[in-house]
Structure formats: structure tokens, C-alpha cells
Protein backbone atom coordinates (compact mmCIF):
# COMPACT_ATOMS: atom_id res chain seq x y z
CA MET A 1 -13.53 -17.28 -1.10
CA PHE A 2 -13.51 -16.99 -4.91
CA SER A 3 -9.76 -16.34 -5.06
CA ARG A 4 -9.06 -19.29 -2.76
CA ILE A 5 -10.99 -21.65 -5.03
CA ASN A 6 -9.16 -20.16 -8.00
CA LYS A 7 -5.78 -20.82 -6.36
CA GLU A 8 -6.69 -24.47 -5.72
CA ARG A 9 -7.74 -24.82 -9.34
CA MET A 10 -4.47 -23.17 -10.43
CA ASN A 11 -2.42 -25.59 -8.35
CA LYS A 12 -4.14 -28.57 -9.96
CA MET A 13 -3.56 -27.11 -13.42
CA THR A 14 0.10 -26.37 -12.62
CA ASN A 15 0.71 -30.02 -11.79
CA LYS A 16 -0.70 -31.15 -15.13
CA LYS A 17 -0.06 -28.31 -17.60
CA PRO A 18 2.49 -25.68 -16.53
CA ILE A 19 1.98 -23.55 -19.64
CA ALA A 20 -1.81 -23.60 -19.34
CA ALA A 21 -1.48 -22.68 -15.67
CA LYS A 22 0.74 -19.71 -16.52
CA VAL A 23 -1.80 -18.51 -19.08
CA ALA A 24 -4.67 -18.98 -16.64
CA LYS A 25 -2.75 -17.16 -13.91
CA PHE A 26 -2.03 -14.29 -16.29
CA LEU A 27 -5.69 -14.07 -17.32
CA THR A 28 -6.79 -14.11 -13.68
CA THR A 29 -4.32 -11.35 -12.83
CA LEU A 30 -5.55 -9.36 -15.81
CA GLN A 31 -9.15 -9.87 -14.72
CA HIS A 32 -8.35 -8.62 -11.20
CA SER A 33 -6.61 -5.58 -12.66
CA ILE A 34 -9.68 -4.74 -14.75
CA MET A 35 -11.95 -5.16 -11.72
CA ASP A 36 -9.65 -2.89 -9.67
CA LEU A 37 -9.85 -0.23 -12.40
CA GLY A 38 -13.63 -0.61 -12.43
CA ASP A 39 -13.70 -0.02 -8.68
CA GLY A 40 -11.71 3.17 -9.18
CA LYS A 41 -8.62 1.93 -7.32
């Protein structure tokens, strides 16, 4: 559910600010990577 809401927010940001969307997408990916490491995956 959280990731779906995030994607919708990303799409809105992409339409307005492509660069900001890229940064946000990168940060989200980074956050997921950190959470995966925390889970021991």
C-alpha cells in the first residue's frame, strides 16, 4: 500500500518537476535498499 501511494506521488511530481522526481525516486530506492539490508536480505 505504501509503495503504491509513493508511486502515485512520484507520477505527480514527474509531471511537474522531472529533476525533483528523479531525486525523490533515487532517495526512495536508497531507502528501500537500507530497509532490505536491515531485514538481512
